[in-house]
Amino acid sequence: MPKSVVRTYSDVTAEALTLLAGLIRASRLENRMSAQEVADRAGISRGMLQRIEKADPKCEIGATFEVAHIVGVNLFNAEPGRLAMHIKQVEDKLTLLPQKARKPNKVVMDDF
């Protein structure tokens, strides 16, 4: 059996998780959505949703963001097209980094 890894998280991380978890729970309750309904829509178990709402740092970030979206928590001031603009800005910054700082893009030969 694999040895479980014990990680410590900074106070900033713990506070951010607690804030996001509280926003998710409050929004779910305001929208009168049951835990099972949200879990079903997100494709996760009710236990995973409970862990997300308790700010468990080991929950998948994708599942957490999906739950936040389902209950109506606005992440990063997300509006249609606005996130794409921010992603483009980040990509522009990354292109300024030296090649050694980035992984090379591997070309996949998929013509069989």
PDB file of N, CA and C in Angstrom:
ATOM      1  N   MET A   1       0.843  -1.177   0.000  1.00  0.00           N
ATOM      2  CA  MET A   1       0.000   0.000   0.000  1.00  0.00           C
ATOM      3  C   MET A   1       0.886   1.235   0.000  1.00  0.00           C
ATOM      4  N   PRO A   2       0.580   2.234  -0.870  1.00  0.00           N
ATOM      5  CA  PRO A   2       1.427   3.416  -0.941  1.00  0.00           C
ATOM      6  C   PRO A   2       1.350   4.239   0.336  1.00  0.00           C
ATOM      7  N   LYS A   3       2.469   4.801   0.671  1.00  0.00           N
ATOM      8  CA  LYS A   3       2.547   5.662   1.852  1.00  0.00           C
ATOM      9  C   LYS A   3       1.837   6.979   1.553  1.00  0.00           C
ATOM     10  N   SER A   4       0.966   7.405   2.446  1.00  0.00           N
ATOM     11  CA  SER A   4       0.265   8.671   2.215  1.00  0.00           C
ATOM     12  C   SER A   4       1.203   9.838   2.487  1.00  0.00           C
ATOM     13  N   VAL A   5       1.074  10.851   1.668  1.00  0.00           N
ATOM     14  CA  VAL A   5       1.930  12.019   1.757  1.00  0.00           C
ATOM     15  C   VAL A   5       1.237  13.072   2.610  1.00  0.00           C
ATOM     16  N   VAL A   6       1.962  13.590   3.567  1.00  0.00           N
ATOM     17  CA  VAL A   6       1.427  14.652   4.414  1.00  0.00           C
ATOM     18  C   VAL A   6       1.994  15.972   3.907  1.00  0.00           C
ATOM     19  N   ARG A   7       1.101  16.848   3.505  1.00  0.00           N
ATOM     20  CA  ARG A   7       1.525  18.154   3.000  1.00  0.00           C
ATOM     21  C   ARG A   7       1.037  19.233   3.948  1.00  0.00           C
ATOM     22  N   THR A   8       1.822  20.269   4.037  1.00  0.00           N
ATOM     23  CA  THR A   8       1.378  21.436   4.786  1.00  0.00           C
ATOM     24  C   THR A   8       1.103  22.551   3.783  1.00  0.00           C
ATOM     25  N   TYR A   9       0.111  23.345   4.073  1.00  0.00           N
ATOM     26  CA  TYR A   9      -0.279  24.438   3.188  1.00  0.00           C
ATOM     27  C   TYR A   9      -0.133  25.760   3.924  1.00  0.00           C
ATOM     28  N   SER A  10       0.197  26.802   3.185  1.00  0.00           N
ATOM     29  CA  SER A  10       0.378  28.113   3.797  1.00  0.00           C
ATOM     30  C   SER A  10      -0.958  28.654   4.294  1.00  0.00           C
ATOM     31  N   ASP A  11      -0.879  29.653   5.150  1.00  0.00           N
ATOM     32  CA  ASP A  11      -2.084  30.300   5.666  1.00  0.00           C
ATOM     33  C   ASP A  11      -2.889  30.943   4.534  1.00  0.00           C
ATOM     34  N   VAL A  12      -2.188  31.486   3.551  1.00  0.00           N
ATOM     35  CA  VAL A  12      -2.864  32.118   2.420  1.00  0.00           C
ATOM     36  C   VAL A  12      -3.681  31.080   1.657  1.00  0.00           C
ATOM     37  N   THR A  13      -3.103  29.912   1.428  1.00  0.00           N
ATOM     38  CA  THR A  13      -3.813  28.840   0.731  1.00  0.00           C
ATOM     39  C   THR A  13      -5.028  28.400   1.525  1.00  0.00           C
ATOM     40  N   ALA A  14      -4.853  28.213   2.822  1.00  0.00           N
ATOM     41  CA  ALA A  14      -5.965  27.784   3.675  1.00  0.00           C
ATOM     42  C   ALA A  14      -7.094  28.812   3.674  1.00  0.00           C
ATOM     43  N   GLU A  15      -6.733  30.094   3.737  1.00  0.00           N
ATOM     44  CA  GLU A  15      -7.751  31.143   3.727  1.00  0.00           C
ATOM     45  C   GLU A  15      -8.479  31.202   2.386  1.00  0.00           C
ATOM     46  N   ALA A  16      -7.742  31.055   1.287  1.00  0.00           N
ATOM     47  CA  ALA A  16      -8.368  31.077  -0.038  1.00  0.00           C
ATOM     48  C   ALA A  16      -9.317  29.896  -0.201  1.00  0.00           C
ATOM     49  N   LEU A  17      -8.906  28.719   0.252  1.00  0.00           N
ATOM     50  CA  LEU A  17      -9.770  27.542   0.180  1.00  0.00           C
ATOM     51  C   LEU A  17     -11.025  27.732   1.022  1.00  0.00           C
ATOM     52  N   THR A  18     -10.850  28.277   2.211  1.00  0.00           N
ATOM     53  CA  THR A  18     -11.989  28.507   3.098  1.00  0.00           C
ATOM     54  C   THR A  18     -12.961  29.513   2.484  1.00  0.00           C
ATOM     55  N   LEU A  19     -12.429  30.558   1.874  1.00  0.00           N
ATOM     56  CA  LEU A  19     -13.273  31.561   1.221  1.00  0.00           C
ATOM     57  C   LEU A  19     -14.053  30.947   0.064  1.00  0.00           C
ATOM     58  N   LEU A  20     -13.357  30.218  -0.811  1.00  0.00           N
ATOM     59  CA  LEU A  20     -14.029  29.615  -1.963  1.00  0.00           C
ATOM     60  C   LEU A  20     -15.065  28.595  -1.509  1.00  0.00           C
ATOM     61  N   ALA A  21     -14.722  27.783  -0.530  1.00  0.00           N
ATOM     62  CA  ALA A  21     -15.668  26.783  -0.015  1.00  0.00           C
ATOM     63  C   ALA A  21     -16.906  27.457   0.567  1.00  0.00           C
ATOM     64  N   GLY A  22     -16.704  28.541   1.308  1.00  0.00           N
ATOM     65  CA  GLY A  22     -17.837  29.268   1.879  1.00  0.00           C
ATOM     66  C   GLY A  22     -18.722  29.884   0.813  1.00  0.00           C
ATOM     67  N   LEU A  23     -18.095  30.439  -0.229  1.00  0.00           N
ATOM     68  CA  LEU A  23     -18.872  31.017  -1.329  1.00  0.00           C
ATOM     69  C   LEU A  23     -19.685  29.949  -2.045  1.00  0.00           C
ATOM     70  N   ILE A  24     -19.080  28.784  -2.256  1.00  0.00           N
ATOM     71  CA  ILE A  24     -19.783  27.693  -2.926  1.00  0.00           C
ATOM     72  C   ILE A  24     -20.976  27.242  -2.099  1.00  0.00           C
ATOM     73  N   ARG A  25     -20.750  27.017  -0.819  1.00  0.00           N
ATOM     74  CA  ARG A  25     -21.840  26.535   0.048  1.00  0.00           C
ATOM     75  C   ARG A  25     -22.960  27.575   0.139  1.00  0.00           C
ATOM     76  N   ALA A  26     -22.584  28.836   0.348  1.00  0.00           N
ATOM     77  CA  ALA A  26     -23.596  29.895   0.478  1.00  0.00           C
ATOM     78  C   ALA A  26     -24.410  30.027  -0.807  1.00  0.00           C
ATOM     79  N   SER A  27     -23.746  29.974  -1.941  1.00  0.00           N
ATOM     80  CA  SER A  27     -24.451  30.098  -3.217  1.00  0.00           C
ATOM     81  C   SER A  27     -25.366  28.903  -3.453  1.00  0.00           C
ATOM     82  N   ARG A  28     -24.901  27.714  -3.089  1.00  0.00           N
ATOM     83  CA  ARG A  28     -25.739  26.520  -3.261  1.00  0.00           C
ATOM     84  C   ARG A  28     -27.005  26.639  -2.413  1.00  0.00           C
ATOM     85  N   LEU A  29     -26.851  27.087  -1.175  1.00  0.00           N
ATOM     86  CA  LEU A  29     -28.006  27.212  -0.293  1.00  0.00           C
ATOM     87  C   LEU A  29     -28.934  28.342  -0.739  1.00  0.00           C
ATOM     88  N   GLU A  30     -28.354  29.467  -1.213  1.00  0.00           N
ATOM     89  CA  GLU A  30     -29.175  30.570  -1.710  1.00  0.00           C
ATOM     90  C   GLU A  30     -30.012  30.141  -2.909  1.00  0.00           C
ATOM     91  N   ASN A  31     -29.423  29.310  -3.755  1.00  0.00           N
ATOM     92  CA  ASN A  31     -30.125  28.826  -4.945  1.00  0.00           C
ATOM     93  C   ASN A  31     -31.022  27.624  -4.647  1.00  0.00           C
ATOM     94  N   ARG A  32     -31.088  27.248  -3.390  1.00  0.00           N
ATOM     95  CA  ARG A  32     -31.915  26.126  -2.930  1.00  0.00           C
ATOM     96  C   ARG A  32     -31.631  24.850  -3.724  1.00  0.00           C
ATOM     97  N   MET A  33     -30.348  24.574  -3.875  1.00  0.00           N
ATOM     98  CA  MET A  33     -29.926  23.366  -4.575  1.00  0.00           C
ATOM     99  C   MET A  33     -29.466  22.348  -3.531  1.00  0.00           C
ATOM    100  N   SER A  34     -29.902  21.113  -3.688  1.00  0.00           N
ATOM    101  CA  SER A  34     -29.467  20.077  -2.757  1.00  0.00           C
ATOM    102  C   SER A  34     -28.040  19.662  -3.095  1.00  0.00           C
ATOM    103  N   ALA A  35     -27.363  19.099  -2.106  1.00  0.00           N
ATOM    104  CA  ALA A  35     -26.002  18.631  -2.322  1.00  0.00           C
ATOM    105  C   ALA A  35     -25.975  17.545  -3.393  1.00  0.00           C
ATOM    106  N   GLN A  36     -26.956  16.662  -3.377  1.00  0.00           N
ATOM    107  CA  GLN A  36     -26.996  15.581  -4.365  1.00  0.00           C
ATOM    108  C   GLN A  36     -27.222  16.126  -5.766  1.00  0.00           C
ATOM    109  N   GLU A  37     -28.063  17.144  -5.899  1.00  0.00           N
ATOM    110  CA  GLU A  37     -28.319  17.749  -7.209  1.00  0.00           C
ATOM    111  C   GLU A  37     -27.042  18.353  -7.795  1.00  0.00           C
ATOM    112  N   VAL A  38     -26.313  19.102  -6.977  1.00  0.00           N
ATOM    113  CA  VAL A  38     -25.074  19.727  -7.449  1.00  0.00           C
ATOM    114  C   VAL A  38     -24.039  18.658  -7.786  1.00  0.00           C
ATOM    115  N   ALA A  39     -23.926  17.652  -6.934  1.00  0.00           N
ATOM    116  CA  ALA A  39     -22.965  16.575  -7.175  1.00  0.00           C
ATOM    117  C   ALA A  39     -23.283  15.852  -8.478  1.00  0.00           C
ATOM    118  N   ASP A  40     -24.556  15.570  -8.715  1.00  0.00           N
ATOM    119  CA  ASP A  40     -24.953  14.896  -9.952  1.00  0.00           C
ATOM    120  C   ASP A  40     -24.618  15.750 -11.174  1.00  0.00           C
ATOM    121  N   ARG A  41     -24.903  17.029 -11.098  1.00  0.00           N
ATOM    122  CA  ARG A  41     -24.623  17.919 -12.238  1.00  0.00           C
ATOM    123  C   ARG A  41     -23.127  18.046 -12.493  1.00  0.00           C
ATOM    124  N   ALA A  42     -22.329  17.992 -11.424  1.00  0.00           N
ATOM    125  CA  ALA A  42     -20.877  18.121 -11.574  1.00  0.00           C
ATOM    126  C   ALA A  42     -20.213  16.786 -11.911  1.00  0.00           C
ATOM    127  N   GLY A  43     -20.957  15.695 -11.763  1.00  0.00           N
ATOM    128  CA  GLY A  43     -20.392  14.388 -12.056  1.00  0.00           C
ATOM    129  C   GLY A  43     -19.452  13.889 -10.970  1.00  0.00           C
ATOM    130  N   ILE A  44     -19.732  14.290  -9.738  1.00  0.00           N
ATOM    131  CA  ILE A  44     -18.915  13.862  -8.603  1.00  0.00           C
ATOM    132  C   ILE A  44     -19.829  13.247  -7.546  1.00  0.00           C
ATOM    133  N   SER A  45     -19.223  12.646  -6.533  1.00  0.00           N
ATOM    134  CA  SER A  45     -20.023  12.080  -5.456  1.00  0.00           C
ATOM    135  C   SER A  45     -20.440  13.181  -4.483  1.00  0.00           C
ATOM    136  N   ARG A  46     -21.464  12.881  -3.687  1.00  0.00           N
ATOM    137  CA  ARG A  46     -21.903  13.839  -2.683  1.00  0.00           C
ATOM    138  C   ARG A  46     -20.805  14.048  -1.638  1.00  0.00           C
ATOM    139  N   GLY A  47     -20.051  12.995  -1.352  1.00  0.00           N
ATOM    140  CA  GLY A  47     -18.935  13.104  -0.417  1.00  0.00           C
ATOM    141  C   GLY A  47     -17.864  14.067  -0.904  1.00  0.00           C
ATOM    142  N   MET A  48     -17.577  14.027  -2.198  1.00  0.00           N
ATOM    143  CA  MET A  48     -16.598  14.958  -2.777  1.00  0.00           C
ATOM    144  C   MET A  48     -17.101  16.386  -2.660  1.00  0.00           C
ATOM    145  N   LEU A  49     -18.398  16.602  -2.904  1.00  0.00           N
ATOM    146  CA  LEU A  49     -18.963  17.937  -2.755  1.00  0.00           C
ATOM    147  C   LEU A  49     -18.836  18.405  -1.309  1.00  0.00           C
ATOM    148  N   GLN A  50     -19.095  17.532  -0.367  1.00  0.00           N
ATOM    149  CA  GLN A  50     -18.959  17.890   1.040  1.00  0.00           C
ATOM    150  C   GLN A  50     -17.514  18.263   1.369  1.00  0.00           C
ATOM    151  N   ARG A  51     -16.567  17.535   0.791  1.00  0.00           N
ATOM    152  CA  ARG A  51     -15.154  17.858   1.017  1.00  0.00           C
ATOM    153  C   ARG A  51     -14.814  19.220   0.409  1.00  0.00           C
ATOM    154  N   ILE A  52     -15.370  19.514  -0.762  1.00  0.00           N
ATOM    155  CA  ILE A  52     -15.137  20.820  -1.390  1.00  0.00           C
ATOM    156  C   ILE A  52     -15.684  21.922  -0.493  1.00  0.00           C
ATOM    157  N   GLU A  53     -16.894  21.714   0.045  1.00  0.00           N
ATOM    158  CA  GLU A  53     -17.521  22.733   0.897  1.00  0.00           C
ATOM    159  C   GLU A  53     -16.845  22.837   2.264  1.00  0.00           C
ATOM    160  N   LYS A  54     -16.015  21.873   2.622  1.00  0.00           N
ATOM    161  CA  LYS A  54     -15.257  21.938   3.874  1.00  0.00           C
ATOM    162  C   LYS A  54     -13.826  22.398   3.635  1.00  0.00           C
ATOM    163  N   ALA A  55     -13.522  22.854   2.417  1.00  0.00           N
ATOM    164  CA  ALA A  55     -12.216  23.410   2.043  1.00  0.00           C
ATOM    165  C   ALA A  55     -11.094  22.383   2.129  1.00  0.00           C
ATOM    166  N   ASP A  56     -11.372  21.153   1.739  1.00  0.00           N
ATOM    167  CA  ASP A  56     -10.336  20.122   1.708  1.00  0.00           C
ATOM    168  C   ASP A  56      -9.371  20.442   0.565  1.00  0.00           C
ATOM    169  N   PRO A  57      -8.086  20.665   0.874  1.00  0.00           N
ATOM    170  CA  PRO A  57      -7.144  21.046  -0.180  1.00  0.00           C
ATOM    171  C   PRO A  57      -6.799  19.914  -1.142  1.00  0.00           C
ATOM    172  N   LYS A  58      -7.221  18.704  -0.856  1.00  0.00           N
ATOM    173  CA  LYS A  58      -6.891  17.577  -1.724  1.00  0.00           C
ATOM    174  C   LYS A  58      -7.932  17.331  -2.805  1.00  0.00           C
ATOM    175  N   CYS A  59      -8.983  18.132  -2.840  1.00  0.00           N
ATOM    176  CA  CYS A  59     -10.000  17.996  -3.892  1.00  0.00           C
ATOM    177  C   CYS A  59      -9.433  18.501  -5.213  1.00  0.00           C
ATOM    178  N   GLU A  60      -9.874  17.882  -6.295  1.00  0.00           N
ATOM    179  CA  GLU A  60      -9.414  18.292  -7.619  1.00  0.00           C
ATOM    180  C   GLU A  60      -9.856  19.722  -7.899  1.00  0.00           C
ATOM    181  N   ILE A  61      -8.958  20.505  -8.458  1.00  0.00           N
ATOM    182  CA  ILE A  61      -9.285  21.901  -8.735  1.00  0.00           C
ATOM    183  C   ILE A  61     -10.343  21.996  -9.838  1.00  0.00           C
ATOM    184  N   GLY A  62     -10.298  21.081 -10.797  1.00  0.00           N
ATOM    185  CA  GLY A  62     -11.298  21.091 -11.869  1.00  0.00           C
ATOM    186  C   GLY A  62     -12.688  20.841 -11.326  1.00  0.00           C
ATOM    187  N   ALA A  63     -12.816  19.875 -10.416  1.00  0.00           N
ATOM    188  CA  ALA A  63     -14.114  19.586  -9.804  1.00  0.00           C
ATOM    189  C   ALA A  63     -14.585  20.771  -8.974  1.00  0.00           C
ATOM    190  N   THR A  64     -13.671  21.397  -8.260  1.00  0.00           N
ATOM    191  CA  THR A  64     -14.022  22.552  -7.435  1.00  0.00           C
ATOM    192  C   THR A  64     -14.512  23.708  -8.302  1.00  0.00           C
ATOM    193  N   PHE A  65     -13.806  23.991  -9.393  1.00  0.00           N
ATOM    194  CA  PHE A  65     -14.225  25.066 -10.289  1.00  0.00           C
ATOM    195  C   PHE A  65     -15.553  24.740 -10.958  1.00  0.00           C
ATOM    196  N   GLU A  66     -15.769  23.475 -11.311  1.00  0.00           N
ATOM    197  CA  GLU A  66     -17.033  23.090 -11.940  1.00  0.00           C
ATOM    198  C   GLU A  66     -18.195  23.299 -10.968  1.00  0.00           C
ATOM    199  N   VAL A  67     -18.009  22.912  -9.724  1.00  0.00           N
ATOM    200  CA  VAL A  67     -19.047  23.100  -8.706  1.00  0.00           C
ATOM    201  C   VAL A  67     -19.312  24.592  -8.519  1.00  0.00           C
ATOM    202  N   ALA A  68     -18.249  25.383  -8.460  1.00  0.00           N
ATOM    203  CA  ALA A  68     -18.416  26.837  -8.308  1.00  0.00           C
ATOM    204  C   ALA A  68     -19.235  27.407  -9.457  1.00  0.00           C
ATOM    205  N   HIS A  69     -18.960  26.960 -10.660  1.00  0.00           N
ATOM    206  CA  HIS A  69     -19.710  27.441 -11.826  1.00  0.00           C
ATOM    207  C   HIS A  69     -21.177  27.016 -11.742  1.00  0.00           C
ATOM    208  N   ILE A  70     -21.426  25.783 -11.349  1.00  0.00           N
ATOM    209  CA  ILE A  70     -22.798  25.260 -11.284  1.00  0.00           C
ATOM    210  C   ILE A  70     -23.644  26.045 -10.292  1.00  0.00           C
ATOM    211  N   VAL A  71     -23.063  26.377  -9.135  1.00  0.00           N
ATOM    212  CA  VAL A  71     -23.846  27.085  -8.120  1.00  0.00           C
ATOM    213  C   VAL A  71     -23.858  28.600  -8.333  1.00  0.00           C
ATOM    214  N   GLY A  72     -23.071  29.085  -9.304  1.00  0.00           N
ATOM    215  CA  GLY A  72     -23.125  30.506  -9.634  1.00  0.00           C
ATOM    216  C   GLY A  72     -22.061  31.376  -9.012  1.00  0.00           C
ATOM    217  N   VAL A  73     -20.983  30.776  -8.536  1.00  0.00           N
ATOM    218  CA  VAL A  73     -19.877  31.579  -8.003  1.00  0.00           C
ATOM    219  C   VAL A  73     -19.059  32.060  -9.190  1.00  0.00           C
ATOM    220  N   ASN A  74     -18.893  33.357  -9.308  1.00  0.00           N
ATOM    221  CA  ASN A  74     -18.188  33.961 -10.436  1.00  0.00           C
ATOM    222  C   ASN A  74     -16.686  33.938 -10.169  1.00  0.00           C
ATOM    223  N   LEU A  75     -15.962  33.083 -10.883  1.00  0.00           N
ATOM    224  CA  LEU A  75     -14.518  32.979 -10.723  1.00  0.00           C
ATOM    225  C   LEU A  75     -13.804  33.900 -11.697  1.00  0.00           C
ATOM    226  N   PHE A  76     -12.862  34.666 -11.212  1.00  0.00           N
ATOM    227  CA  PHE A  76     -12.026  35.527 -12.051  1.00  0.00           C
ATOM    228  C   PHE A  76     -12.844  36.510 -12.886  1.00  0.00           C
ATOM    229  N   ASN A  77     -13.961  36.973 -12.363  1.00  0.00           N
ATOM    230  CA  ASN A  77     -14.850  37.864 -13.122  1.00  0.00           C
ATOM    231  C   ASN A  77     -15.142  37.297 -14.506  1.00  0.00           C
ATOM    232  N   ALA A  78     -15.460  36.025 -14.521  1.00  0.00           N
ATOM    233  CA  ALA A  78     -15.647  35.308 -15.791  1.00  0.00           C
ATOM    234  C   ALA A  78     -16.889  35.786 -16.519  1.00  0.00           C
ATOM    235  N   GLU A  79     -16.664  36.313 -17.682  1.00  0.00           N
ATOM    236  CA  GLU A  79     -17.731  36.679 -18.605  1.00  0.00           C
ATOM    237  C   GLU A  79     -17.357  36.061 -19.939  1.00  0.00           C
ATOM    238  N   PRO A  80     -18.334  35.767 -20.769  1.00  0.00           N
ATOM    239  CA  PRO A  80     -17.994  35.171 -22.068  1.00  0.00           C
ATOM    240  C   PRO A  80     -16.961  36.022 -22.809  1.00  0.00           C
ATOM    241  N   GLY A  81     -15.870  35.400 -23.190  1.00  0.00           N
ATOM    242  CA  GLY A  81     -14.813  36.088 -23.918  1.00  0.00           C
ATOM    243  C   GLY A  81     -13.776  36.760 -23.049  1.00  0.00           C
ATOM    244  N   ARG A  82     -14.126  37.089 -21.815  1.00  0.00           N
ATOM    245  CA  ARG A  82     -13.181  37.801 -20.962  1.00  0.00           C
ATOM    246  C   ARG A  82     -12.044  36.897 -20.501  1.00  0.00           C
ATOM    247  N   LEU A  83     -12.361  35.665 -20.153  1.00  0.00           N
ATOM    248  CA  LEU A  83     -11.305  34.738 -19.751  1.00  0.00           C
ATOM    249  C   LEU A  83     -10.362  34.466 -20.909  1.00  0.00           C
ATOM    250  N   ALA A  84     -10.898  34.380 -22.118  1.00  0.00           N
ATOM    251  CA  ALA A  84     -10.050  34.148 -23.287  1.00  0.00           C
ATOM    252  C   ALA A  84      -9.039  35.282 -23.435  1.00  0.00           C
ATOM    253  N   MET A  85      -9.454  36.502 -23.120  1.00  0.00           N
ATOM    254  CA  MET A  85      -8.548  37.643 -23.200  1.00  0.00           C
ATOM    255  C   MET A  85      -7.419  37.487 -22.178  1.00  0.00           C
ATOM    256  N   HIS A  86      -7.768  37.071 -20.952  1.00  0.00           N
ATOM    257  CA  HIS A  86      -6.755  36.878 -19.916  1.00  0.00           C
ATOM    258  C   HIS A  86      -5.818  35.732 -20.274  1.00  0.00           C
ATOM    259  N   ILE A  87      -6.363  34.674 -20.829  1.00  0.00           N
ATOM    260  CA  ILE A  87      -5.530  33.539 -21.234  1.00  0.00           C
ATOM    261  C   ILE A  87      -4.533  33.987 -22.299  1.00  0.00           C
ATOM    262  N   LYS A  88      -4.983  34.820 -23.240  1.00  0.00           N
ATOM    263  CA  LYS A  88      -4.100  35.340 -24.283  1.00  0.00           C
ATOM    264  C   LYS A  88      -2.984  36.173 -23.669  1.00  0.00           C
ATOM    265  N   GLN A  89      -3.296  36.989 -22.661  1.00  0.00           N
ATOM    266  CA  GLN A  89      -2.280  37.804 -21.998  1.00  0.00           C
ATOM    267  C   GLN A  89      -1.240  36.921 -21.316  1.00  0.00           C
ATOM    268  N   VAL A  90      -1.692  35.847 -20.669  1.00  0.00           N
ATOM    269  CA  VAL A  90      -0.770  34.927 -20.004  1.00  0.00           C
ATOM    270  C   VAL A  90       0.112  34.236 -21.040  1.00  0.00           C
ATOM    271  N   GLU A  91      -0.485  33.807 -22.140  1.00  0.00           N
ATOM    272  CA  GLU A  91       0.295  33.160 -23.200  1.00  0.00           C
ATOM    273  C   GLU A  91       1.334  34.120 -23.772  1.00  0.00           C
ATOM    274  N   ASP A  92       0.976  35.396 -23.911  1.00  0.00           N
ATOM    275  CA  ASP A  92       1.932  36.383 -24.402  1.00  0.00           C
ATOM    276  C   ASP A  92       3.106  36.534 -23.441  1.00  0.00           C
ATOM    277  N   LYS A  93       2.829  36.526 -22.143  1.00  0.00           N
ATOM    278  CA  LYS A  93       3.907  36.604 -21.153  1.00  0.00           C
ATOM    279  C   LYS A  93       4.799  35.376 -21.223  1.00  0.00           C
ATOM    280  N   LEU A  94       4.183  34.209 -21.407  1.00  0.00           N
ATOM    281  CA  LEU A  94       4.958  32.975 -21.458  1.00  0.00           C
ATOM    282  C   LEU A  94       5.875  32.928 -22.670  1.00  0.00           C
ATOM    283  N   THR A  95       5.478  33.554 -23.761  1.00  0.00           N
ATOM    284  CA  THR A  95       6.334  33.548 -24.947  1.00  0.00           C
ATOM    285  C   THR A  95       7.600  34.366 -24.725  1.00  0.00           C
ATOM    286  N   LEU A  96       7.597  35.249 -23.745  1.00  0.00           N
ATOM    287  CA  LEU A  96       8.784  36.042 -23.440  1.00  0.00           C
ATOM    288  C   LEU A  96       9.816  35.260 -22.632  1.00  0.00           C
ATOM    289  N   LEU A  97       9.414  34.138 -22.060  1.00  0.00           N
ATOM    290  CA  LEU A  97      10.346  33.324 -21.284  1.00  0.00           C
ATOM    291  C   LEU A  97      11.325  32.625 -22.213  1.00  0.00           C
ATOM    292  N   PRO A  98      12.522  32.365 -21.719  1.00  0.00           N
ATOM    293  CA  PRO A  98      13.467  31.616 -22.547  1.00  0.00           C
ATOM    294  C   PRO A  98      12.941  30.208 -22.825  1.00  0.00           C
ATOM    295  N   GLN A  99      13.371  29.619 -23.924  1.00  0.00           N
ATOM    296  CA  GLN A  99      12.909  28.293 -24.322  1.00  0.00           C
ATOM    297  C   GLN A  99      13.183  27.249 -23.251  1.00  0.00           C
ATOM    298  N   LYS A 100      14.284  27.390 -22.519  1.00  0.00           N
ATOM    299  CA  LYS A 100      14.625  26.398 -21.497  1.00  0.00           C
ATOM    300  C   LYS A 100      13.614  26.387 -20.352  1.00  0.00           C
ATOM    301  N   ALA A 101      12.890  27.479 -20.169  1.00  0.00           N
ATOM    302  CA  ALA A 101      11.912  27.560 -19.088  1.00  0.00           C
ATOM    303  C   ALA A 101      10.591  26.910 -19.458  1.00  0.00           C
ATOM    304  N   ARG A 102      10.407  26.605 -20.748  1.00  0.00           N
ATOM    305  CA  ARG A 102       9.163  25.998 -21.202  1.00  0.00           C
ATOM    306  C   ARG A 102       9.429  24.621 -21.764  1.00  0.00           C
ATOM    307  N   LYS A 103       8.448  23.756 -21.623  1.00  0.00           N
ATOM    308  CA  LYS A 103       8.554  22.436 -22.224  1.00  0.00           C
ATOM    309  C   LYS A 103       8.349  22.567 -23.725  1.00  0.00           C
ATOM    310  N   PRO A 104       9.109  21.819 -24.495  1.00  0.00           N
ATOM    311  CA  PRO A 104       8.892  21.889 -25.944  1.00  0.00           C
ATOM    312  C   PRO A 104       7.577  21.219 -26.321  1.00  0.00           C
ATOM    313  N   ASN A 105       6.913  21.795 -27.296  1.00  0.00           N
ATOM    314  CA  ASN A 105       5.679  21.189 -27.801  1.00  0.00           C
ATOM    315  C   ASN A 105       6.053  20.000 -28.668  1.00  0.00           C
ATOM    316  N   LYS A 106       5.548  18.837 -28.324  1.00  0.00           N
ATOM    317  CA  LYS A 106       5.834  17.650 -29.099  1.00  0.00           C
ATOM    318  C   LYS A 106       4.806  17.524 -30.207  1.00  0.00           C
ATOM    319  N   VAL A 107       5.282  17.313 -31.397  1.00  0.00           N
ATOM    320  CA  VAL A 107       4.396  17.121 -32.536  1.00  0.00           C
ATOM    321  C   VAL A 107       4.009  15.650 -32.562  1.00  0.00           C
ATOM    322  N   VAL A 108       2.725  15.405 -32.542  1.00  0.00           N
ATOM    323  CA  VAL A 108       2.226  14.043 -32.544  1.00  0.00           C
ATOM    324  C   VAL A 108       1.961  13.623 -33.977  1.00  0.00           C
ATOM    325  N   MET A 109       2.545  12.507 -34.361  1.00  0.00           N
ATOM    326  CA  MET A 109       2.329  11.967 -35.697  1.00  0.00           C
ATOM    327  C   MET A 109       1.153  11.000 -35.591  1.00  0.00           C
ATOM    328  N   ASP A 110      -0.016  11.429 -36.040  1.00  0.00           N
ATOM    329  CA  ASP A 110      -1.205  10.599 -35.900  1.00  0.00           C
ATOM    330  C   ASP A 110      -1.831  10.218 -37.234  1.00  0.00           C
ATOM    331  N   ASP A 111      -1.082  10.333 -38.323  1.00  0.00           N
ATOM    332  CA  ASP A 111      -1.643   9.900 -39.603  1.00  0.00           C
ATOM    333  C   ASP A 111      -1.261   8.438 -39.827  1.00  0.00           C
ATOM    334  N   PHE A 112      -2.226   7.595 -39.659  1.00  0.00           N
ATOM    335  CA  PHE A 112      -2.002   6.149 -39.720  1.00  0.00           C
ATOM    336  C   PHE A 112      -2.185   5.617 -41.104  1.00  0.00           C
TER     337      PHE A 112
END
